Protein backbone atom coordinates (compact mmCIF):
# COMPACT_ATOMS: atom_id res chain seq x y z
CA MET A 1 25.72 7.12 1.49
CA THR A 2 25.34 10.97 1.25
CA ALA A 3 21.76 11.38 2.83
CA SER A 4 22.51 13.33 5.81
CA ASN A 5 19.10 12.89 7.41
CA PHE A 6 20.14 9.13 8.23
CA SER A 7 23.05 7.28 10.88
CA ASN A 8 25.37 5.72 8.39
CA THR A 9 25.96 2.04 9.67
CA ILE A 10 26.73 0.42 6.21
CA SER A 11 29.85 -0.97 6.27
CA ASP A 12 30.39 -0.23 2.60
CA PRO A 13 29.04 3.67 1.07
CA SER A 14 28.91 2.07 -1.91
CA THR A 15 26.69 -0.95 -1.53
CA ILE A 16 23.57 -1.64 0.88
CA ARG A 17 23.03 -5.04 2.01
CA VAL A 18 19.56 -5.90 2.15
CA GLY A 19 17.23 -8.68 3.90
CA LEU A 20 13.68 -9.69 2.46
CA VAL A 21 11.38 -10.82 4.23
CA GLY A 22 8.43 -12.79 1.83
CA THR A 23 8.92 -15.30 -1.43
CA GLY A 24 5.12 -13.97 -3.54
CA TYR A 25 5.56 -12.11 -6.50
CA VAL A 26 6.12 -8.54 -5.04
CA ALA A 27 8.72 -9.55 -2.90
CA LYS A 28 10.62 -11.15 -6.61
CA SER A 29 10.26 -8.01 -8.21
CA ARG A 30 12.00 -6.33 -5.19
CA ALA A 31 14.58 -9.26 -5.30
CA GLN A 32 14.98 -8.54 -9.11
CA THR A 33 15.68 -4.76 -8.71
CA LEU A 34 18.15 -5.55 -6.09
CA TYR A 35 20.23 -8.34 -7.83
CA SER A 36 20.36 -6.15 -11.00
CA ASP A 37 21.43 -2.77 -9.39
CA GLN A 38 24.89 -2.51 -8.00
CA ARG A 39 24.23 -0.30 -5.51
CA SER A 40 22.57 -3.28 -3.55
CA HIS A 41 23.45 -6.53 -2.38
CA LEU A 42 20.64 -9.12 -1.59
CA VAL A 43 22.22 -11.25 1.06
CA ALA A 44 19.42 -12.81 2.47
CA VAL A 45 15.43 -14.16 2.81
CA THR A 46 13.47 -15.56 4.82
CA GLY A 47 9.87 -16.89 3.93
CA HIS A 48 6.79 -19.18 4.99
CA SER A 49 7.53 -21.97 2.96
CA PRO A 50 10.90 -23.04 3.54
CA GLU A 51 11.07 -25.06 0.25
CA THR A 52 9.92 -21.81 -1.58
CA THR A 53 12.32 -20.07 0.06
CA ALA A 54 14.93 -22.06 -0.82
CA ALA A 55 14.51 -22.21 -4.33
CA PHE A 56 14.08 -18.28 -4.63
CA CYS A 57 17.55 -18.21 -2.54
CA GLN A 58 18.98 -20.20 -5.30
CA GLU A 59 17.70 -18.23 -8.06
CA PHE A 60 19.76 -14.62 -6.46
CA ASN A 61 22.38 -16.37 -4.60
CA ALA A 62 20.77 -15.29 -0.59
CA GLN A 63 21.27 -16.96 2.23
CA LEU A 64 18.13 -18.66 3.50
CA VAL A 65 16.85 -17.33 7.03
CA PRO A 66 13.89 -19.63 9.12
CA ASN A 67 12.28 -16.31 10.40
CA TRP A 68 11.98 -12.74 10.36
CA LEU A 69 12.97 -12.29 13.77
CA GLU A 70 16.71 -14.16 12.58
CA LEU A 71 16.84 -11.60 9.68
CA VAL A 72 16.25 -8.26 10.99
CA GLN A 73 19.11 -8.81 14.24
CA ARG A 74 21.75 -9.67 11.47
CA ASP A 75 24.76 -7.47 11.55
CA ASP A 76 25.71 -7.65 7.96
CA LEU A 77 22.12 -6.11 6.82
CA ASP A 78 21.10 -2.11 6.22
CA LEU A 79 18.11 -2.27 5.18
CA ILE A 80 14.89 -4.54 5.47
CA ILE A 81 12.41 -4.73 2.79
CA ILE A 82 9.18 -6.52 4.44
CA SER A 83 6.69 -8.27 1.56
CA THR A 84 4.54 -10.59 3.65
CA ILE A 85 1.30 -10.73 4.93
CA ASN A 86 -0.04 -7.98 6.97
CA ARG A 87 -0.54 -8.97 9.79
CA ASP A 88 3.48 -8.93 10.63
CA HIS A 89 4.08 -6.17 8.87
CA GLY A 90 4.34 -3.77 12.34
CA ALA A 91 5.72 -6.29 14.46
CA ILE A 92 8.81 -6.66 11.76
CA ALA A 93 9.22 -3.09 11.14
CA LYS A 94 9.66 -2.52 15.17
CA ALA A 95 12.32 -5.01 15.56
CA ALA A 96 13.90 -3.84 11.95
CA LEU A 97 14.10 -0.33 13.85
CA GLU A 98 15.12 -1.56 16.68
CA ASN A 99 18.46 -3.22 15.51
CA ASP A 100 18.97 -0.34 13.49
CA LYS A 101 18.05 -1.16 10.10
CA HIS A 102 16.03 1.07 7.01
CA VAL A 103 12.79 -0.61 6.42
CA VAL A 104 10.71 -0.79 3.50
CA VAL A 105 7.24 -1.98 3.92
CA GLU A 106 4.61 -2.74 1.02
CA TYR A 107 1.27 -0.86 2.37
CA PRO A 108 -0.68 -1.00 5.25
CA LEU A 109 2.53 -0.18 7.41
CA CYS A 110 0.38 -1.93 10.09
CA LEU A 111 -3.21 -2.91 11.01
CA ASP A 112 -3.43 -0.58 13.73
CA PRO A 113 -2.83 3.22 13.46
CA GLN A 114 -1.45 3.97 16.68
CA GLN A 115 1.41 1.62 16.15
CA GLY A 116 1.72 2.94 12.81
CA GLN A 117 2.71 6.49 14.86
CA GLU A 118 4.86 4.71 17.03
CA LEU A 119 6.89 3.24 14.46
CA ILE A 120 7.14 7.05 12.77
CA ALA A 121 8.17 8.14 15.70
CA LEU A 122 10.94 5.18 16.75
CA ALA A 123 11.94 6.08 13.15
CA SER A 124 12.58 9.19 13.43
CA ARG A 125 14.39 8.58 16.68
CA ARG A 126 17.11 6.10 15.26
CA GLN A 127 17.42 8.46 12.26
CA LYS A 128 16.40 5.46 9.87
CA LEU A 129 14.25 5.43 6.89
CA LEU A 130 10.89 3.99 7.19
CA HIS A 131 9.44 3.94 3.64
CA VAL A 132 5.46 2.69 2.62
CA GLU A 133 5.22 1.80 -0.15
CA HIS A 134 1.77 3.48 -2.18
CA LEU A 135 2.21 2.71 -5.85
CA GLU A 136 -0.73 3.40 -6.56
CA LEU A 137 0.38 7.46 -6.66
CA LEU A 138 3.27 6.45 -9.33
CA GLY A 139 0.54 4.40 -11.74
CA GLY A 140 -0.50 6.22 -15.14
CA LEU A 141 -4.43 6.22 -13.40
CA HIS A 142 -3.42 8.53 -10.70
CA ASN A 143 -1.43 11.05 -12.29
CA ALA A 144 -4.15 11.29 -15.31
CA ILE A 145 -6.43 12.15 -13.09
CA LYS A 146 -4.42 14.51 -11.22
CA ALA A 147 -3.36 16.24 -14.68
CA ALA A 148 -7.29 16.38 -15.89
CA LEU A 149 -8.66 17.09 -12.76
CA GLU A 150 -8.44 20.70 -12.72
CA ALA A 151 -10.76 20.44 -16.58
CA ILE A 152 -14.07 19.72 -14.17
CA GLY A 153 -13.84 22.51 -12.26
CA THR A 154 -14.58 21.94 -8.26
CA VAL A 155 -15.49 18.11 -7.55
CA PHE A 156 -18.29 17.66 -5.84
CA TYR A 157 -18.47 13.83 -5.66
CA ALA A 158 -16.03 11.04 -6.88
CA ARG A 159 -16.89 7.74 -7.21
CA TYR A 160 -14.12 4.55 -6.93
CA SER A 161 -15.33 1.08 -7.37
CA THR A 162 -13.15 -2.45 -8.05
CA ILE A 163 -15.10 -5.47 -7.88
CA ASN A 164 -12.69 -8.44 -8.11
CA PRO A 165 -14.87 -11.93 -8.66
CA GLN A 166 -12.71 -15.45 -8.04
CA ARG A 167 -14.62 -18.70 -8.27
CA PRO A 168 -13.49 -20.85 -6.58
CA ALA A 169 -12.22 -17.83 -3.78
CA SER A 170 -9.22 -17.96 -2.92
CA HIS A 171 -7.71 -19.62 -0.17
CA ARG A 172 -4.92 -17.53 0.29
CA TRP A 173 -4.19 -14.98 3.29
CA THR A 174 -6.28 -12.54 1.40
CA TYR A 175 -9.41 -13.74 2.03
CA GLN A 176 -8.39 -13.92 6.32
CA ASN A 177 -9.26 -11.06 9.03
CA SER A 178 -6.90 -11.42 11.19
CA LEU A 179 -3.74 -11.87 8.73
CA PHE A 180 -5.41 -9.47 5.57
CA GLY A 181 -7.24 -6.56 8.09
CA PHE A 182 -10.74 -5.11 7.59
CA PRO A 183 -10.80 -5.49 3.95
CA LEU A 184 -10.68 -1.29 3.32
CA VAL A 185 -7.24 -1.33 5.70
CA GLY A 186 -5.86 -4.37 3.58
CA ALA A 187 -6.96 -2.18 0.12
CA LEU A 188 -5.35 0.59 1.58
CA SER A 189 -4.69 1.78 -1.81
CA ARG A 190 -8.65 2.55 -2.52
CA LEU A 191 -9.12 5.21 -0.34
CA HIS A 192 -5.63 6.23 -0.29
CA ARG A 193 -5.85 7.66 -3.94
CA LEU A 194 -9.26 9.86 -2.52
CA THR A 195 -7.05 11.55 0.33
CA ASP A 196 -4.09 11.97 -1.99
CA LEU A 197 -6.67 14.08 -4.28
CA PHE A 198 -8.54 16.21 -1.47
CA GLY A 199 -7.03 16.05 1.91
CA ALA A 200 -8.77 16.16 5.18
CA VAL A 201 -11.77 14.02 5.73
CA ALA A 202 -14.25 15.18 8.08
CA SER A 203 -16.30 12.31 8.41
CA VAL A 204 -16.78 8.07 7.53
CA ASN A 205 -19.79 6.37 7.18
CA ALA A 206 -19.34 2.62 6.33
CA GLN A 207 -20.89 -0.92 5.48
CA SER A 208 -19.30 -4.19 5.10
CA GLN A 209 -20.18 -7.86 4.34
CA PHE A 210 -18.94 -11.42 4.43
CA TRP A 211 -20.22 -14.42 3.16
CA ASN A 212 -19.35 -17.68 4.00
CA VAL A 213 -17.53 -16.74 7.04
CA ASP A 214 -15.88 -20.00 9.14
CA ARG A 215 -16.61 -20.90 12.47
CA ASP A 216 -13.93 -18.75 13.75
CA ARG A 217 -15.07 -15.93 11.73
CA ASP A 218 -12.15 -15.52 10.60
CA ARG A 219 -11.72 -16.84 7.31
CA TYR A 220 -14.25 -15.99 4.45
CA ARG A 221 -15.38 -16.72 0.73
CA SER A 222 -16.32 -12.82 -0.07
CA CYS A 223 -16.90 -9.96 1.14
CA TRP A 224 -17.93 -5.96 0.02
CA CYS A 225 -17.64 -2.93 1.81
CA GLN A 226 -19.19 0.56 1.05
CA THR A 227 -17.68 3.97 2.57
CA GLN A 228 -18.55 6.93 2.14
CA LEU A 229 -16.23 9.89 3.11
CA HIS A 230 -17.29 13.58 3.63
CA PHE A 231 -13.79 15.80 2.77
CA THR A 232 -13.23 19.14 4.81
CA CYS A 233 -12.87 20.97 0.94
CA GLY A 234 -16.92 19.74 0.55
CA THR A 235 -15.86 16.70 -2.20
CA ILE A 236 -17.75 13.55 -1.00
CA GLY A 237 -15.87 10.38 -1.78
CA GLU A 238 -17.24 6.82 -2.04
CA VAL A 239 -15.71 3.28 -2.23
CA VAL A 240 -16.38 -0.21 -3.04
CA TYR A 241 -14.92 -2.63 -2.96
CA GLY A 242 -15.72 -6.50 -2.75
CA LYS A 243 -14.03 -9.91 -4.20
CA GLY A 244 -14.75 -13.72 -3.97
CA GLU A 245 -17.69 -15.97 -5.04
CA THR A 246 -20.53 -13.74 -4.30
CA PHE A 247 -19.65 -11.30 -7.37
CA TRP A 248 -20.06 -12.71 -11.11
CA GLU A 249 -19.12 -9.50 -12.56
CA SER A 250 -15.85 -7.35 -12.34
CA GLU A 251 -15.55 -3.72 -11.72
CA ASN A 252 -13.19 -1.57 -12.22
CA LEU A 253 -14.43 2.41 -12.53
CA PHE A 254 -13.48 5.79 -11.25
CA THR A 255 -15.90 8.38 -11.96
CA LEU A 256 -15.39 11.70 -10.81
CA TYR A 257 -17.83 14.61 -11.15
CA GLY A 258 -16.87 18.34 -11.36
CA GLU A 259 -19.36 21.46 -11.44
CA ALA A 260 -17.34 21.76 -15.44
CA GLY A 261 -17.43 18.58 -16.62
CA THR A 262 -16.87 14.45 -15.45
CA LEU A 263 -13.96 11.66 -15.62
CA ILE A 264 -13.98 8.81 -15.89
CA PHE A 265 -11.62 6.01 -15.83
CA THR A 266 -11.58 2.42 -16.93
CA PRO A 267 -9.09 0.29 -17.40
CA LYS A 268 -9.06 1.12 -20.79
CA GLY A 269 -8.51 4.34 -20.47
CA GLY A 270 -9.81 7.79 -19.14
CA GLN A 271 -12.64 10.08 -21.37
CA LEU A 272 -13.44 13.99 -20.44
CA LEU A 273 -17.27 14.35 -20.95
CA GLN A 274 -17.97 18.15 -21.23
CA GLY A 275 -20.42 18.15 -24.53
CA ASP A 276 -21.76 15.79 -27.01
CA ILE A 277 -18.19 14.41 -27.75
CA PRO A 278 -16.24 12.45 -24.69
CA GLN A 279 -12.75 12.98 -24.59
CA PRO A 280 -10.13 10.81 -25.00
CA ILE A 281 -7.64 10.40 -22.30
CA GLU A 282 -4.09 8.71 -22.13
CA VAL A 283 -3.15 6.53 -19.40
CA GLY A 284 -0.04 5.26 -18.26
CA SER A 285 1.02 1.45 -17.95
CA ARG A 286 1.10 0.32 -14.43
CA SER A 287 3.89 -2.36 -15.21
CA GLY A 288 7.60 -1.90 -13.65
CA LEU A 289 5.92 0.47 -10.24
CA PHE A 290 7.58 -2.25 -7.63
CA VAL A 291 11.15 -1.77 -9.90
CA ARG A 292 10.31 2.27 -10.23
CA ASP A 293 9.67 2.16 -5.88
CA THR A 294 12.93 0.05 -5.27
CA GLN A 295 15.15 2.44 -7.37
CA MET A 296 13.21 5.17 -5.61
CA VAL A 297 14.48 3.65 -2.02
CA LEU A 298 17.76 3.57 -3.46
CA ASP A 299 17.71 6.79 -4.52
CA HIS A 300 17.28 8.51 -1.28
CA LEU A 301 19.46 6.51 0.41
CA PHE A 302 22.35 7.06 -1.98
CA ASP A 303 21.80 10.65 -2.62
CA GLY A 304 19.07 12.08 -1.12
CA THR A 305 16.40 12.72 -3.28
CA PRO A 306 12.84 13.01 -2.31
CA LEU A 307 10.81 9.94 -2.31
CA TYR A 308 7.17 10.25 -3.47
CA VAL A 309 4.87 10.04 0.06
CA SER A 310 5.16 10.43 3.36
CA ASN A 311 4.89 8.68 6.59
CA ALA A 312 2.46 11.16 7.15
CA ASP A 313 0.05 10.90 4.51
CA SER A 314 0.46 6.70 5.02
CA LEU A 315 -0.72 7.16 8.46
CA TYR A 316 -3.80 9.81 8.23
CA THR A 317 -4.81 7.00 5.36
CA LEU A 318 -4.71 4.09 7.81
CA LYS A 319 -6.85 6.55 10.23
CA VAL A 320 -9.40 6.79 8.03
CA ALA A 321 -9.23 3.40 7.08
CA ASP A 322 -9.89 2.37 10.27
CA ALA A 323 -12.61 4.54 11.05
CA ALA A 324 -14.15 2.70 8.20
CA ARG A 325 -13.96 -0.51 9.87
CA GLN A 326 -15.67 1.34 13.58
CA SER A 327 -17.99 2.81 11.51
CA ALA A 328 -19.16 -0.71 9.54
CA GLU A 329 -18.53 -2.67 12.81
CA THR A 330 -20.96 0.25 14.82
CA GLY A 331 -22.97 0.92 12.22
CA GLU A 332 -22.50 4.77 13.07
CA THR A 333 -20.64 7.67 11.17
CA VAL A 334 -17.61 7.86 12.63
CA ILE A 335 -16.00 11.90 13.33
CA LEU A 336 -12.49 12.50 12.23
CA THR A 337 -10.63 15.23 14.22
CA GLN A 338 -7.80 17.01 12.71
CA SER A 339 -4.65 17.30 14.29
């Protein structure tokens, strides 16, 4: 390894040995990339279901490990990739860093901003990579927005709405508060698009509603969240997020209103409105982004090439999302102090 910012504990400098936590769609995409890249060796995997994990390990010729604590303590691993339930991200990342492993984790880094700050500090002290995946910044939609933004002048209002009807609602962990987190924390990318575009947030006001909540008020069958972000630059951003049985029609719409025009983006593409005839905007594909993220991590570890997102920016958006949670729970506007 030639990247000088990290301590070199890799026994073979031509190969990085990887442990993977998770066996779902994202984990499989990571595993396929690692399996096909000569710079990496997927050594061991742990997952929730022993049967599923055994099949996963057989497919990728990896060793099955009973739990994530045993995985991060192994001496034959250099990098831990965390692709499991949100609740466990912080604990696994902490244990991996304390065992001198590099860490890649799907967003969010954790559910608590204070813990996130401590993890970033720990990675710095240990001289280890801590990379939080934020594919929304790599995708065609975000890059198309950034490329077209100048055309509409100063943006005074931006609205991003994603509604996902599911009938019946999923029984997966994504409908459980204790495992997924507050919806706008678990779905952090919705807010990160806006903080990446407009910077610091002055205040947050949010509302939320949950339907068919179980006795412990943990699992639900539908949720809806709306938050308004007042950016220090003057822009007002609104994010709407809903999923489950209460909704009958899907919506994926990002609209940005500027003093010189309007941008509208849907899954079918984008439009620039500055007169009677809309101007089409091409939006690149979303496919292959986990492959790209994994390859960029390997490039960074071996060659020191820069990554596309900083931990500081990821943590800041987590703080904004947690402010939305506080606002929704108390009914009060949360003022963010600038550090």
